[in-house]
Every structure is written in structure tokens, then in C-alpha cells.
Amino acid sequence: MQDKIRSLLNKHCNTLKDQGCALDALLSHGISADTLDLLSQAVFIAHDIKGGSGTMGFPAVSACAEKLEHFLGACIERNTAPDDAHFIEIRSLNHNLQKAIETLDPTQSSLWNRS
């Protein structure tokens, strides 16, 4: 059973790197006519990262993703493109999440030593 869990943790870490790249690409566009649509896509990815990481025993990654998800969601609820100050905060939250993903190792999971 432990081998299956560890295999899933390795797979999750690889998936997170892909999701992090996709999220980073979406959030690097800046303000445009498609901004709210791009932010909606980013919310979906952040939500997925939050849930998956929480389930897989990575609470720090989950917390970073949750902060980004909530901030992006609030921007979307206003139904106007974020201003420069909002984009600075989005970039900061995204940077924190990207850093957490970059330094992630499967052995950091609370599930790593479960049998």
C-alpha cells in the first residue's frame, strides 16, 4: 500500500509542476480584453491545485493556492479587469504558489510514511 501512495505522491508532484506552468502562463498576460476569462481559467487551476494538494498531504501548497483562488475570485466578482495594484497582488500570490511548487518533494507529504 505504501508503494501505491508514494507513486501517487510522485505523480501529484509532477502534475503540480504542469499546473503551475499553465497557471503562470495564464497570469502573465496582463490586462487585455480577455482578462476576466483568463482569470476564470486561473481560478479553476488554483482550485484544483488547492484541493489536490490538500488531499495529498501538502497543506502549504494548498494554502498558497487557496489565497490565490480567493483573490482571483474576488477580482472576477467585481466584473472589471483588475487594476495595476490588483495585478501586483496576483503576481505576488502566484509567485508564492510557484515557489511552493518548485520546492515540493513527495517526501514532504504527510502521507509519505503512511502504510
Protein backbone atom coordinates (compact mmCIF):
# COMPACT_ATOMS: atom_id res chain seq x y z
CA MET A 1 0.00 0.00 0.00
CA GLN A 2 2.82 2.40 0.86
CA ASP A 3 4.30 1.95 -2.63
CA LYS A 4 0.96 2.93 -4.20
CA ILE A 5 0.72 6.03 -2.02
CA ARG A 6 4.26 7.07 -2.86
CA SER A 7 3.61 6.53 -6.55
CA LEU A 8 0.54 8.78 -6.33
CA LEU A 9 2.55 11.42 -4.48
CA ASN A 10 5.23 11.41 -7.18
CA LYS A 11 2.57 11.70 -9.86
CA HIS A 12 0.88 14.55 -8.00
CA CYS A 13 4.15 16.49 -7.74
CA ASN A 14 4.70 16.13 -11.49
CA THR A 15 1.12 17.18 -12.21
CA LEU A 16 1.55 20.22 -9.95
CA LYS A 17 4.54 21.37 -11.96
CA ASP A 18 2.43 21.21 -15.14
CA GLN A 19 -0.46 23.02 -13.48
CA GLY A 20 1.91 25.64 -12.11
CA CYS A 21 3.27 26.31 -15.60
CA ALA A 22 -0.26 26.59 -17.01
CA LEU A 23 -1.28 28.97 -14.23
CA ASP A 24 1.84 31.07 -14.67
CA ALA A 25 1.17 31.35 -18.41
CA LEU A 26 -2.42 32.49 -17.83
CA LEU A 27 -1.42 35.10 -15.28
CA SER A 28 1.45 36.54 -17.33
CA HIS A 29 -0.86 38.07 -19.94
CA GLY A 30 -1.58 41.30 -18.10
CA ILE A 31 -4.69 43.35 -18.76
CA SER A 32 -6.49 42.72 -22.04
CA ALA A 33 -9.97 42.15 -23.42
CA ASP A 34 -9.69 38.51 -22.32
CA THR A 35 -8.55 39.25 -18.77
CA LEU A 36 -11.67 38.07 -16.94
CA ASP A 37 -11.80 34.87 -19.00
CA LEU A 38 -8.13 34.18 -18.27
CA LEU A 39 -8.68 34.84 -14.57
CA SER A 40 -11.63 32.41 -14.58
CA GLN A 41 -9.38 29.73 -16.04
CA ALA A 42 -6.74 30.57 -13.43
CA VAL A 43 -9.31 30.21 -10.62
CA PHE A 44 -10.15 26.73 -11.89
CA ILE A 45 -6.48 25.67 -11.87
CA ALA A 46 -5.82 27.24 -8.46
CA HIS A 47 -8.88 25.45 -7.08
CA ASP A 48 -7.65 22.15 -8.50
CA ILE A 49 -4.19 22.67 -7.00
CA LYS A 50 -5.72 23.59 -3.64
CA GLY A 51 -7.93 20.52 -3.45
CA GLY A 52 -5.45 18.03 -4.83
CA SER A 53 -2.62 19.24 -2.64
CA GLY A 54 -4.75 19.23 0.46
CA THR A 55 -5.87 15.68 -0.25
CA MET A 56 -2.32 14.54 -0.98
CA GLY A 57 -0.91 15.95 2.24
CA PHE A 58 0.71 19.19 1.07
CA PRO A 59 -1.03 21.84 3.22
CA ALA A 60 1.44 24.64 2.42
CA VAL A 61 0.83 24.35 -1.33
CA SER A 62 -2.90 24.06 -0.71
CA ALA A 63 -2.87 27.25 1.41
CA CYS A 64 -0.98 29.23 -1.26
CA ALA A 65 -3.40 28.06 -3.94
CA GLU A 66 -6.38 28.93 -1.73
CA LYS A 67 -5.16 32.51 -1.24
CA LEU A 68 -4.69 32.94 -4.99
CA GLU A 69 -8.05 31.33 -5.77
CA HIS A 70 -9.90 33.66 -3.38
CA PHE A 71 -8.15 36.80 -4.61
CA LEU A 72 -8.80 35.93 -8.25
CA GLY A 73 -12.41 35.09 -7.43
CA ALA A 74 -12.89 38.47 -5.78
CA CYS A 75 -11.46 40.18 -8.87
CA ILE A 76 -13.89 38.28 -11.09
CA GLU A 77 -16.88 39.09 -8.85
CA ARG A 78 -16.22 42.80 -9.41
CA ASN A 79 -16.65 42.03 -13.12
CA THR A 80 -14.00 44.54 -14.15
CA ALA A 81 -10.43 43.94 -15.17
CA PRO A 82 -8.03 44.20 -12.23
CA ASP A 83 -6.06 47.41 -11.96
CA ASP A 84 -2.27 47.57 -11.57
CA ALA A 85 -2.42 47.19 -7.78
CA HIS A 86 -4.53 44.04 -8.12
CA PHE A 87 -2.14 42.60 -10.70
CA ILE A 88 0.77 43.23 -8.34
CA GLU A 89 -1.05 41.21 -5.68
CA ILE A 90 -1.97 38.47 -8.19
CA ARG A 91 1.66 38.20 -9.28
CA SER A 92 2.81 38.07 -5.66
CA LEU A 93 0.35 35.31 -4.74
CA ASN A 94 1.23 33.41 -7.90
CA HIS A 95 4.94 33.78 -7.14
CA ASN A 96 4.40 32.30 -3.67
CA LEU A 97 2.49 29.37 -5.14
CA GLN A 98 5.09 28.79 -7.87
CA LYS A 99 7.86 28.80 -5.24
CA ALA A 100 5.95 26.27 -3.12
CA ILE A 101 5.50 24.02 -6.17
CA GLU A 102 9.15 24.36 -7.29
CA THR A 103 10.49 23.26 -3.94
CA LEU A 104 7.95 20.47 -3.46
CA ASP A 105 9.18 16.97 -2.87
CA PRO A 106 6.95 13.91 -2.45
CA THR A 107 8.61 13.09 0.87
CA GLN A 108 7.19 16.34 2.31
CA SER A 109 3.69 14.92 2.16
CA SER A 110 2.04 13.93 5.42
CA LEU A 111 1.11 10.71 3.60
CA TRP A 112 4.67 9.68 2.67
CA ASN A 113 5.19 7.35 5.63
CA ARG A 114 1.66 6.02 5.80
CA SER A 115 1.26 2.32 5.33
